[in-house]
Amino acid sequence: CLSYNLQNVERMGELELEQLQEKIDAGILLAQQRLKEKVLKEDGELVVMRDGKVTHITADDLKE
């Protein structure tokens, strides 16, 4: 498990920060993909905020 506190981040070099950001981005993409797969598997729906409005996205909408 990676754990970083503010002092560690302040001491990191530019390359290390780029690598950390890449790991964070990859983790976010993986979480999004897993959530999409779960919604499709369970024929559920996502509730998201778009343009300041609550929007429901059904599993059928995700298939398109």
Protein backbone atom coordinates (compact mmCIF):
# COMPACT_ATOMS: atom_id res chain seq x y z
CA CYS A 1 0.00 0.00 0.00
CA LEU A 2 1.34 3.40 -0.97
CA SER A 3 1.02 6.15 1.55
CA TYR A 4 2.26 9.66 1.05
CA ASN A 5 2.03 12.55 3.41
CA LEU A 6 2.50 16.19 2.52
CA GLN A 7 6.15 16.23 3.64
CA ASN A 8 6.99 13.28 1.37
CA VAL A 9 5.31 14.95 -1.61
CA GLU A 10 7.18 18.20 -0.98
CA ARG A 11 10.50 16.32 -1.12
CA MET A 12 9.71 14.44 -4.33
CA GLY A 13 11.41 15.33 -7.55
CA GLU A 14 9.54 16.14 -10.74
CA LEU A 15 9.94 12.62 -12.15
CA GLU A 16 8.66 11.04 -8.94
CA LEU A 17 5.64 13.35 -8.95
CA GLU A 18 4.90 12.45 -12.57
CA GLN A 19 5.11 8.75 -11.72
CA LEU A 20 2.83 9.23 -8.72
CA GLN A 21 0.31 11.13 -10.87
CA GLU A 22 0.39 8.32 -13.45
CA LYS A 23 -0.40 5.78 -10.72
CA ILE A 24 -3.25 7.93 -9.43
CA ASP A 25 -4.66 8.35 -12.95
CA ALA A 26 -4.41 4.59 -13.60
CA GLY A 27 -6.20 3.89 -10.32
CA ILE A 28 -9.03 6.27 -11.22
CA LEU A 29 -9.43 4.67 -14.65
CA LEU A 30 -9.49 1.19 -13.11
CA ALA A 31 -12.13 2.26 -10.57
CA GLN A 32 -14.27 3.74 -13.36
CA GLN A 33 -13.99 0.56 -15.43
CA ARG A 34 -14.89 -1.65 -12.45
CA LEU A 35 -17.90 0.53 -11.64
CA LYS A 36 -19.10 0.35 -15.25
CA GLU A 37 -18.69 -3.44 -15.27
CA LYS A 38 -20.64 -3.72 -12.02
CA VAL A 39 -23.50 -1.58 -13.33
CA LEU A 40 -23.66 -3.66 -16.52
CA LYS A 41 -23.52 -6.96 -14.62
CA GLU A 42 -26.27 -5.93 -12.18
CA ASP A 43 -28.34 -4.10 -14.82
CA GLY A 44 -28.19 -1.10 -12.53
CA GLU A 45 -27.68 2.59 -13.06
CA LEU A 46 -25.20 5.32 -12.25
CA VAL A 47 -26.23 8.63 -10.75
CA VAL A 48 -23.88 11.43 -11.78
CA MET A 49 -23.81 15.21 -11.86
CA ARG A 50 -23.76 16.73 -15.35
CA ASP A 51 -23.93 20.48 -15.92
CA GLY A 52 -25.10 20.94 -12.35
CA LYS A 53 -27.98 18.47 -12.75
CA VAL A 54 -28.41 14.97 -11.33
CA THR A 55 -28.46 12.47 -14.20
CA HIS A 56 -29.28 8.76 -14.15
CA ILE A 57 -27.35 6.55 -16.58
CA THR A 58 -28.81 3.11 -17.09
CA ALA A 59 -26.90 -0.03 -17.98
CA ASP A 60 -28.46 0.14 -21.45
CA ASP A 61 -27.07 3.67 -21.88
CA LEU A 62 -23.59 2.38 -20.96
CA LYS A 63 -23.78 -0.30 -23.66
CA GLU A 64 -24.17 2.32 -26.40
